[in-house]
N, C-alpha and C. Protein backbone atom coordinates (compact mmCIF):
# COMPACT_ATOMS: atom_id res chain seq x y z
N MET A 1 59.12 -85.17 11.23
CA MET A 1 58.88 -84.79 9.85
C MET A 1 58.78 -86.05 8.99
N ILE A 2 57.87 -86.03 8.04
CA ILE A 2 57.68 -87.18 7.17
C ILE A 2 58.81 -87.25 6.17
N ASN A 3 59.49 -88.38 6.16
CA ASN A 3 60.59 -88.60 5.24
C ASN A 3 60.18 -89.74 4.31
N SER A 4 59.84 -89.40 3.07
CA SER A 4 59.33 -90.41 2.14
C SER A 4 60.38 -91.47 1.79
N ASN A 5 61.65 -91.16 2.03
CA ASN A 5 62.71 -92.13 1.75
C ASN A 5 63.12 -92.95 2.98
N GLU A 6 62.48 -92.68 4.11
CA GLU A 6 62.74 -93.46 5.32
C GLU A 6 62.53 -94.94 5.00
N LEU A 7 63.45 -95.78 5.45
CA LEU A 7 63.31 -97.21 5.20
C LEU A 7 62.37 -97.84 6.21
N LEU A 8 61.45 -98.66 5.72
CA LEU A 8 60.51 -99.36 6.58
C LEU A 8 60.85 -100.84 6.65
N TYR A 9 60.42 -101.45 7.74
CA TYR A 9 60.60 -102.87 7.98
C TYR A 9 59.55 -103.61 7.15
N VAL A 10 59.91 -104.03 5.96
CA VAL A 10 58.99 -104.73 5.07
C VAL A 10 59.01 -106.22 5.42
N VAL A 11 57.82 -106.81 5.42
CA VAL A 11 57.66 -108.23 5.75
C VAL A 11 56.77 -108.87 4.68
N ASP A 12 56.69 -110.18 4.71
CA ASP A 12 55.75 -110.84 3.81
C ASP A 12 54.41 -110.97 4.53
N GLU A 13 53.45 -111.64 3.89
CA GLU A 13 52.12 -111.74 4.48
C GLU A 13 52.07 -112.55 5.77
N TYR A 14 53.20 -113.19 6.13
CA TYR A 14 53.28 -113.96 7.38
C TYR A 14 54.17 -113.28 8.41
N ASP A 15 54.52 -112.02 8.18
CA ASP A 15 55.35 -111.22 9.08
C ASP A 15 56.81 -111.68 9.10
N ILE A 16 57.26 -112.29 8.01
CA ILE A 16 58.66 -112.71 7.87
C ILE A 16 59.43 -111.57 7.21
N PRO A 17 60.54 -111.12 7.80
CA PRO A 17 61.29 -109.97 7.25
C PRO A 17 61.72 -110.17 5.80
N GLN A 18 61.61 -109.09 5.05
CA GLN A 18 62.05 -109.02 3.66
C GLN A 18 63.05 -107.88 3.53
N LYS A 19 63.32 -107.47 2.34
CA LYS A 19 64.24 -106.36 2.09
C LYS A 19 63.58 -105.04 2.51
N PRO A 20 64.29 -104.20 3.31
CA PRO A 20 63.74 -102.88 3.66
C PRO A 20 63.50 -102.06 2.39
N ARG A 21 62.47 -101.23 2.44
CA ARG A 21 62.13 -100.40 1.28
C ARG A 21 61.78 -98.99 1.75
N PRO A 22 61.93 -97.99 0.87
CA PRO A 22 61.54 -96.62 1.23
C PRO A 22 60.05 -96.55 1.57
N ARG A 23 59.73 -95.66 2.50
CA ARG A 23 58.37 -95.50 3.00
C ARG A 23 57.38 -95.27 1.85
N ASN A 24 57.68 -94.32 0.97
CA ASN A 24 56.73 -94.00 -0.10
C ASN A 24 56.49 -95.19 -1.02
N GLU A 25 57.52 -95.95 -1.32
CA GLU A 25 57.40 -97.14 -2.17
C GLU A 25 56.58 -98.21 -1.45
N THR A 26 56.84 -98.39 -0.17
CA THR A 26 56.14 -99.41 0.62
C THR A 26 54.65 -99.13 0.67
N LEU A 27 54.28 -97.89 0.99
CA LEU A 27 52.87 -97.55 1.12
C LEU A 27 52.17 -97.50 -0.24
N LYS A 28 52.84 -96.94 -1.24
CA LYS A 28 52.26 -96.83 -2.58
C LYS A 28 51.96 -98.20 -3.19
N ASN A 29 52.87 -99.13 -2.99
CA ASN A 29 52.73 -100.46 -3.59
C ASN A 29 52.04 -101.48 -2.70
N GLY A 30 51.65 -101.07 -1.50
CA GLY A 30 50.93 -101.97 -0.61
C GLY A 30 51.75 -103.12 -0.08
N TYR A 31 53.06 -102.89 0.11
CA TYR A 31 53.88 -103.95 0.70
C TYR A 31 53.51 -104.11 2.17
N TRP A 32 53.53 -105.35 2.64
CA TRP A 32 53.33 -105.60 4.06
C TRP A 32 54.49 -104.98 4.83
N HIS A 33 54.19 -104.37 5.96
CA HIS A 33 55.21 -103.72 6.77
C HIS A 33 54.77 -103.73 8.23
N ARG A 34 55.68 -103.30 9.10
CA ARG A 34 55.40 -103.32 10.54
C ARG A 34 55.19 -101.91 11.08
N ALA A 35 54.35 -101.84 12.11
CA ALA A 35 54.08 -100.59 12.80
C ALA A 35 53.82 -100.91 14.27
N VAL A 36 53.76 -99.87 15.07
CA VAL A 36 53.40 -100.03 16.49
C VAL A 36 52.31 -99.03 16.85
N HIS A 37 51.46 -99.44 17.78
CA HIS A 37 50.43 -98.59 18.37
C HIS A 37 50.60 -98.72 19.88
N ILE A 38 50.77 -97.61 20.57
CA ILE A 38 50.96 -97.64 22.01
C ILE A 38 49.88 -96.79 22.67
N TRP A 39 49.04 -97.42 23.46
CA TRP A 39 48.01 -96.72 24.23
C TRP A 39 48.62 -96.40 25.59
N ILE A 40 48.54 -95.14 25.99
CA ILE A 40 49.05 -94.74 27.30
C ILE A 40 47.85 -94.41 28.18
N VAL A 41 47.78 -95.10 29.32
CA VAL A 41 46.67 -94.94 30.25
C VAL A 41 47.22 -94.55 31.61
N ASN A 42 46.50 -93.65 32.31
CA ASN A 42 46.94 -93.25 33.64
C ASN A 42 46.05 -93.89 34.71
N ASP A 43 46.36 -93.60 35.97
CA ASP A 43 45.61 -94.18 37.09
C ASP A 43 44.16 -93.71 37.14
N LYS A 44 43.85 -92.60 36.48
CA LYS A 44 42.47 -92.10 36.43
C LYS A 44 41.69 -92.72 35.27
N ARG A 45 42.30 -93.70 34.61
CA ARG A 45 41.70 -94.38 33.46
C ARG A 45 41.42 -93.40 32.32
N GLN A 46 42.39 -92.54 32.10
CA GLN A 46 42.36 -91.62 30.97
C GLN A 46 43.41 -92.08 29.96
N ILE A 47 43.08 -91.93 28.70
CA ILE A 47 43.96 -92.33 27.61
C ILE A 47 44.56 -91.08 26.98
N LEU A 48 45.86 -91.12 26.72
CA LEU A 48 46.52 -90.03 26.01
C LEU A 48 46.14 -90.14 24.54
N CYS A 49 45.46 -89.12 24.03
CA CYS A 49 45.02 -89.10 22.63
C CYS A 49 45.70 -87.94 21.91
N GLN A 50 45.89 -88.11 20.62
CA GLN A 50 46.54 -87.06 19.86
C GLN A 50 45.81 -86.82 18.55
N LYS A 51 45.79 -85.56 18.17
CA LYS A 51 45.23 -85.17 16.88
C LYS A 51 46.40 -85.07 15.91
N ARG A 52 46.32 -85.82 14.84
CA ARG A 52 47.40 -85.86 13.86
C ARG A 52 47.55 -84.51 13.16
N SER A 53 48.78 -84.15 12.87
CA SER A 53 49.07 -82.91 12.17
C SER A 53 48.41 -82.91 10.80
N LEU A 54 48.03 -81.74 10.34
CA LEU A 54 47.49 -81.61 8.99
C LEU A 54 48.55 -81.86 7.93
N LYS A 55 49.82 -81.90 8.35
CA LYS A 55 50.92 -82.16 7.42
C LYS A 55 51.13 -83.66 7.17
N LYS A 56 50.45 -84.50 7.94
CA LYS A 56 50.62 -85.95 7.79
C LYS A 56 50.01 -86.41 6.46
N ASP A 57 50.63 -87.41 5.85
CA ASP A 57 50.10 -87.92 4.59
C ASP A 57 48.99 -88.94 4.81
N LEU A 58 48.93 -89.56 5.97
CA LEU A 58 47.89 -90.52 6.30
C LEU A 58 46.99 -89.97 7.40
N SER A 59 45.71 -89.89 7.16
CA SER A 59 44.70 -89.44 8.14
C SER A 59 45.04 -88.11 8.80
N PRO A 60 45.35 -87.07 8.02
CA PRO A 60 45.67 -85.77 8.64
C PRO A 60 44.46 -85.20 9.39
N GLY A 61 44.74 -84.58 10.54
CA GLY A 61 43.70 -83.93 11.31
C GLY A 61 42.77 -84.85 12.08
N MET A 62 43.01 -86.14 12.04
CA MET A 62 42.16 -87.10 12.75
C MET A 62 42.72 -87.36 14.14
N TRP A 63 41.83 -87.66 15.08
CA TRP A 63 42.23 -88.03 16.44
C TRP A 63 42.52 -89.53 16.48
N GLU A 64 43.47 -89.91 17.32
CA GLU A 64 43.75 -91.33 17.53
C GLU A 64 44.09 -91.55 19.00
N PRO A 65 43.72 -92.72 19.52
CA PRO A 65 43.93 -93.00 20.94
C PRO A 65 45.27 -93.65 21.25
N ALA A 66 46.19 -93.56 20.32
CA ALA A 66 47.47 -94.24 20.50
C ALA A 66 48.57 -93.43 19.84
N ILE A 67 49.77 -93.66 20.32
CA ILE A 67 50.96 -93.17 19.64
C ILE A 67 51.28 -94.23 18.60
N VAL A 68 51.45 -93.82 17.36
CA VAL A 68 51.66 -94.79 16.29
C VAL A 68 52.87 -94.44 15.45
N GLY A 69 53.45 -95.44 14.84
CA GLY A 69 54.57 -95.20 13.95
C GLY A 69 54.99 -96.46 13.24
N HIS A 70 55.62 -96.27 12.09
CA HIS A 70 56.16 -97.39 11.33
C HIS A 70 57.51 -97.81 11.90
N LEU A 71 57.84 -99.07 11.71
CA LEU A 71 59.12 -99.59 12.18
C LEU A 71 60.16 -99.54 11.07
N GLY A 72 61.37 -99.21 11.47
CA GLY A 72 62.50 -99.24 10.55
C GLY A 72 63.12 -100.62 10.54
N PRO A 73 64.06 -100.85 9.63
CA PRO A 73 64.65 -102.19 9.48
C PRO A 73 65.44 -102.66 10.70
N ASP A 74 65.87 -101.74 11.57
CA ASP A 74 66.63 -102.14 12.76
C ASP A 74 65.75 -102.30 14.00
N ASP A 75 64.44 -102.06 13.85
CA ASP A 75 63.51 -102.13 14.98
C ASP A 75 62.90 -103.51 15.12
N ASN A 76 62.59 -103.88 16.38
CA ASN A 76 61.62 -104.92 16.61
C ASN A 76 60.40 -104.21 17.19
N TYR A 77 59.34 -104.93 17.50
CA TYR A 77 58.13 -104.24 17.96
C TYR A 77 58.39 -103.44 19.25
N PHE A 78 59.16 -103.99 20.17
CA PHE A 78 59.41 -103.30 21.44
C PHE A 78 60.31 -102.09 21.27
N THR A 79 61.42 -102.22 20.53
CA THR A 79 62.31 -101.06 20.37
C THR A 79 61.62 -99.96 19.58
N GLY A 80 60.81 -100.34 18.61
CA GLY A 80 60.07 -99.34 17.84
C GLY A 80 59.05 -98.61 18.70
N ALA A 81 58.39 -99.33 19.60
CA ALA A 81 57.41 -98.71 20.50
C ALA A 81 58.09 -97.73 21.45
N VAL A 82 59.22 -98.13 22.02
CA VAL A 82 59.97 -97.24 22.91
C VAL A 82 60.39 -95.98 22.16
N ARG A 83 60.90 -96.15 20.95
CA ARG A 83 61.35 -95.01 20.14
C ARG A 83 60.19 -94.07 19.82
N GLU A 84 59.06 -94.61 19.42
CA GLU A 84 57.91 -93.77 19.05
C GLU A 84 57.38 -92.98 20.24
N VAL A 85 57.27 -93.62 21.41
CA VAL A 85 56.78 -92.90 22.59
C VAL A 85 57.74 -91.76 22.94
N THR A 86 59.02 -92.04 22.92
CA THR A 86 60.01 -91.01 23.26
C THR A 86 60.00 -89.88 22.24
N GLU A 87 59.95 -90.22 20.94
CA GLU A 87 59.94 -89.20 19.90
C GLU A 87 58.69 -88.32 19.96
N GLU A 88 57.53 -88.92 20.17
CA GLU A 88 56.28 -88.17 20.07
C GLU A 88 55.84 -87.51 21.36
N THR A 89 56.44 -87.89 22.50
CA THR A 89 56.05 -87.26 23.77
C THR A 89 57.21 -86.61 24.50
N GLY A 90 58.44 -87.01 24.18
CA GLY A 90 59.59 -86.53 24.94
C GLY A 90 59.76 -87.25 26.26
N ILE A 91 58.91 -88.22 26.54
CA ILE A 91 58.95 -88.98 27.79
C ILE A 91 59.72 -90.28 27.54
N PRO A 92 60.86 -90.47 28.21
CA PRO A 92 61.60 -91.72 28.01
C PRO A 92 60.90 -92.87 28.74
N ILE A 93 60.75 -93.98 28.04
CA ILE A 93 60.21 -95.18 28.67
C ILE A 93 61.17 -96.33 28.38
N ASP A 94 60.93 -97.43 29.03
CA ASP A 94 61.72 -98.64 28.85
C ASP A 94 60.80 -99.72 28.29
N ALA A 95 61.36 -100.67 27.60
CA ALA A 95 60.55 -101.77 27.05
C ALA A 95 59.77 -102.50 28.15
N SER A 96 60.30 -102.51 29.37
CA SER A 96 59.60 -103.18 30.47
C SER A 96 58.33 -102.44 30.89
N ASP A 97 58.16 -101.18 30.45
CA ASP A 97 56.94 -100.42 30.73
C ASP A 97 55.79 -100.84 29.81
N LEU A 98 56.10 -101.56 28.76
CA LEU A 98 55.12 -101.90 27.73
C LEU A 98 54.46 -103.25 27.98
N ASN A 99 53.18 -103.31 27.70
CA ASN A 99 52.42 -104.56 27.76
C ASN A 99 51.90 -104.84 26.36
N LEU A 100 52.29 -105.96 25.79
CA LEU A 100 51.86 -106.31 24.43
C LEU A 100 50.47 -106.91 24.47
N LEU A 101 49.52 -106.27 23.80
CA LEU A 101 48.17 -106.83 23.68
C LEU A 101 48.16 -107.91 22.60
N LYS A 102 48.70 -107.57 21.44
CA LYS A 102 48.70 -108.52 20.33
C LYS A 102 49.49 -107.96 19.16
N ILE A 103 49.78 -108.82 18.20
CA ILE A 103 50.26 -108.39 16.89
C ILE A 103 49.02 -108.47 16.00
N TYR A 104 48.57 -107.32 15.55
CA TYR A 104 47.32 -107.22 14.79
C TYR A 104 47.64 -107.15 13.31
N LYS A 105 47.02 -108.01 12.53
CA LYS A 105 47.23 -108.03 11.08
C LYS A 105 46.11 -107.23 10.42
N ASP A 106 46.47 -106.07 9.87
CA ASP A 106 45.50 -105.20 9.20
C ASP A 106 45.60 -105.42 7.70
N HIS A 107 44.61 -106.10 7.15
CA HIS A 107 44.63 -106.43 5.72
C HIS A 107 44.44 -105.20 4.84
N LYS A 108 43.72 -104.21 5.35
CA LYS A 108 43.45 -103.01 4.55
C LYS A 108 44.73 -102.22 4.27
N SER A 109 45.55 -102.03 5.29
CA SER A 109 46.77 -101.23 5.13
C SER A 109 48.02 -102.09 4.94
N HIS A 110 47.85 -103.40 4.89
CA HIS A 110 48.99 -104.33 4.76
C HIS A 110 50.02 -104.06 5.86
N GLU A 111 49.53 -104.06 7.07
CA GLU A 111 50.37 -103.67 8.20
C GLU A 111 50.22 -104.67 9.34
N TYR A 112 51.35 -105.10 9.87
CA TYR A 112 51.37 -105.85 11.13
C TYR A 112 51.63 -104.82 12.21
N ARG A 113 50.71 -104.72 13.17
CA ARG A 113 50.82 -103.72 14.23
C ARG A 113 51.10 -104.38 15.56
N GLY A 114 52.20 -103.98 16.17
CA GLY A 114 52.44 -104.36 17.55
C GLY A 114 51.61 -103.43 18.41
N VAL A 115 50.59 -103.97 19.07
CA VAL A 115 49.65 -103.16 19.84
C VAL A 115 49.99 -103.30 21.32
N PHE A 116 50.34 -102.18 21.94
CA PHE A 116 50.78 -102.15 23.34
C PHE A 116 49.90 -101.22 24.16
N TYR A 117 49.92 -101.43 25.47
CA TYR A 117 49.43 -100.41 26.39
C TYR A 117 50.50 -100.21 27.45
N CYS A 118 50.51 -99.02 28.00
CA CYS A 118 51.55 -98.60 28.93
C CYS A 118 50.89 -97.75 30.00
N LYS A 119 51.09 -98.11 31.26
CA LYS A 119 50.50 -97.33 32.35
C LYS A 119 51.50 -96.27 32.81
N LEU A 120 51.17 -95.02 32.51
CA LEU A 120 52.01 -93.88 32.89
C LEU A 120 51.13 -92.75 33.37
N ASN A 121 51.54 -92.11 34.43
CA ASN A 121 50.84 -90.93 34.91
C ASN A 121 51.56 -89.69 34.40
N LEU A 122 51.09 -89.22 33.24
CA LEU A 122 51.72 -88.08 32.58
C LEU A 122 50.93 -86.81 32.82
N GLU A 123 51.63 -85.73 32.93
CA GLU A 123 51.02 -84.40 32.96
C GLU A 123 51.15 -83.84 31.55
N LEU A 124 50.05 -83.34 30.99
CA LEU A 124 50.09 -82.85 29.61
C LEU A 124 51.16 -81.79 29.40
N GLN A 125 51.39 -80.95 30.41
CA GLN A 125 52.37 -79.87 30.25
C GLN A 125 53.80 -80.40 30.15
N HIS A 126 54.04 -81.66 30.51
CA HIS A 126 55.39 -82.24 30.41
C HIS A 126 55.63 -82.96 29.09
N ILE A 127 54.60 -83.07 28.29
CA ILE A 127 54.74 -83.77 27.02
C ILE A 127 55.24 -82.79 25.96
N LYS A 128 56.28 -83.21 25.27
CA LYS A 128 56.87 -82.40 24.21
C LYS A 128 56.45 -83.00 22.88
N ARG A 129 55.33 -82.53 22.37
CA ARG A 129 54.83 -83.11 21.12
C ARG A 129 55.61 -82.60 19.92
N GLU A 130 55.71 -83.43 18.91
CA GLU A 130 56.35 -83.05 17.65
C GLU A 130 55.32 -82.34 16.79
N ASP A 131 55.53 -81.05 16.52
CA ASP A 131 54.56 -80.29 15.74
C ASP A 131 54.34 -80.86 14.34
N GLU A 132 55.36 -81.46 13.77
CA GLU A 132 55.23 -82.06 12.43
C GLU A 132 54.32 -83.28 12.45
N GLU A 133 54.22 -83.92 13.61
CA GLU A 133 53.46 -85.16 13.73
C GLU A 133 52.10 -84.96 14.40
N VAL A 134 52.07 -84.11 15.42
CA VAL A 134 50.90 -84.01 16.30
C VAL A 134 50.46 -82.56 16.44
N GLU A 135 49.17 -82.32 16.17
CA GLU A 135 48.63 -80.96 16.30
C GLU A 135 48.22 -80.66 17.74
N LYS A 136 47.52 -81.60 18.39
CA LYS A 136 47.03 -81.42 19.76
C LYS A 136 47.10 -82.74 20.50
N ILE A 137 47.13 -82.63 21.83
CA ILE A 137 47.03 -83.81 22.68
C ILE A 137 46.00 -83.55 23.77
N LYS A 138 45.39 -84.61 24.26
CA LYS A 138 44.47 -84.48 25.39
C LYS A 138 44.32 -85.84 26.05
N LEU A 139 43.88 -85.79 27.30
CA LEU A 139 43.55 -87.01 28.03
C LEU A 139 42.04 -87.20 27.95
N VAL A 140 41.61 -88.41 27.59
CA VAL A 140 40.19 -88.71 27.42
C VAL A 140 39.85 -89.89 28.32
N LYS A 141 38.76 -89.76 29.09
CA LYS A 141 38.32 -90.85 29.95
C LYS A 141 38.01 -92.08 29.09
N LEU A 142 38.35 -93.23 29.63
CA LEU A 142 38.19 -94.48 28.91
C LEU A 142 36.76 -94.67 28.39
N GLN A 143 35.76 -94.42 29.23
CA GLN A 143 34.37 -94.61 28.81
C GLN A 143 33.96 -93.63 27.72
N THR A 144 34.47 -92.40 27.80
CA THR A 144 34.19 -91.40 26.76
C THR A 144 34.83 -91.83 25.44
N LEU A 145 36.05 -92.30 25.52
CA LEU A 145 36.76 -92.74 24.32
C LEU A 145 36.03 -93.92 23.67
N ARG A 146 35.54 -94.83 24.49
CA ARG A 146 34.78 -95.97 23.96
C ARG A 146 33.59 -95.47 23.14
N LYS A 147 32.87 -94.49 23.66
CA LYS A 147 31.72 -93.93 22.93
C LYS A 147 32.17 -93.29 21.62
N TYR A 148 33.24 -92.51 21.69
CA TYR A 148 33.74 -91.85 20.47
C TYR A 148 34.09 -92.86 19.39
N LEU A 149 34.85 -93.87 19.77
CA LEU A 149 35.38 -94.81 18.78
C LEU A 149 34.35 -95.82 18.28
N LEU A 150 33.51 -96.29 19.17
CA LEU A 150 32.61 -97.37 18.78
C LEU A 150 31.24 -96.90 18.31
N TYR A 151 30.82 -95.69 18.72
CA TYR A 151 29.44 -95.32 18.44
C TYR A 151 29.23 -93.94 17.81
N GLN A 152 30.05 -92.95 18.17
CA GLN A 152 29.63 -91.59 17.87
C GLN A 152 30.41 -90.84 16.80
N GLN A 153 31.71 -90.89 16.79
CA GLN A 153 32.45 -89.92 16.00
C GLN A 153 33.42 -90.54 15.00
N PRO A 154 32.93 -91.32 14.04
CA PRO A 154 33.83 -91.96 13.09
C PRO A 154 34.51 -90.98 12.14
N ASN A 155 33.97 -89.78 11.99
CA ASN A 155 34.58 -88.80 11.09
C ASN A 155 35.74 -88.05 11.73
N PHE A 156 35.92 -88.19 13.04
CA PHE A 156 36.97 -87.46 13.75
C PHE A 156 38.03 -88.38 14.35
N TRP A 157 37.70 -89.65 14.53
CA TRP A 157 38.59 -90.59 15.20
C TRP A 157 38.96 -91.72 14.25
N ILE A 158 40.22 -92.10 14.27
CA ILE A 158 40.71 -93.20 13.45
C ILE A 158 40.29 -94.51 14.10
N ARG A 159 39.63 -95.36 13.34
CA ARG A 159 39.29 -96.71 13.82
C ARG A 159 40.49 -97.61 13.57
N LEU A 160 40.87 -98.36 14.56
CA LEU A 160 42.11 -99.14 14.49
C LEU A 160 41.88 -100.63 14.28
N GLY A 161 40.66 -101.10 14.53
CA GLY A 161 40.34 -102.50 14.26
C GLY A 161 40.38 -103.42 15.46
N TYR A 162 40.99 -103.00 16.54
CA TYR A 162 41.14 -103.88 17.71
C TYR A 162 40.65 -103.18 18.99
N GLU A 163 39.89 -102.11 18.84
CA GLU A 163 39.48 -101.29 19.98
C GLU A 163 38.77 -102.08 21.07
N LYS A 164 37.84 -102.94 20.69
CA LYS A 164 37.07 -103.69 21.69
C LYS A 164 37.98 -104.54 22.57
N GLU A 165 38.99 -105.15 21.98
CA GLU A 165 39.94 -105.95 22.77
C GLU A 165 40.70 -105.08 23.75
N MET A 166 41.13 -103.91 23.28
CA MET A 166 41.88 -103.01 24.17
C MET A 166 40.98 -102.52 25.30
N PHE A 167 39.75 -102.16 24.99
CA PHE A 167 38.85 -101.70 26.04
C PHE A 167 38.60 -102.79 27.08
N SER A 168 38.50 -104.03 26.66
CA SER A 168 38.27 -105.11 27.63
C SER A 168 39.47 -105.29 28.55
N ILE A 169 40.68 -105.05 28.06
CA ILE A 169 41.88 -105.14 28.90
C ILE A 169 41.97 -103.97 29.86
N LEU A 170 41.66 -102.77 29.38
CA LEU A 170 41.83 -101.56 30.19
C LEU A 170 40.70 -101.33 31.18
N ASN A 171 39.58 -102.03 31.04
CA ASN A 171 38.45 -101.84 31.96
C ASN A 171 38.78 -102.29 33.35
């Protein structure tokens, strides 16, 4: 559930920690903050994708190829990624399951994103999605996802800014 008073890990423009601030204040005022994006890929080269709940305040109803979330003041990129995967899928993972692609600086959203990929063979029926966060989930073949994100469906899929780099790693 979206908690507008949730404290976010606020940073300066160089990713240096500052005073934590409430989520609504952080986003409204454009303060730099931290987030994580975790791409989950299986041995069949399928990516776990999720359609955001219509209740979300950011990009409701849009598909995204990653589990995403903001970091709290007690999180680092790895602990935040572990927490988000567990919260949004019900699947416990360990920080050692994560591969860091990069820390991506998104100037548009004033967000430093810890971008990870994680190789897991998940069965959709075992995923416990949070209805407040996620409307639907599906596995999408890597090549199909590349077409969706880079060429075909910008009105349905969230562009993240680093897709080409991720595709080159996952190929």
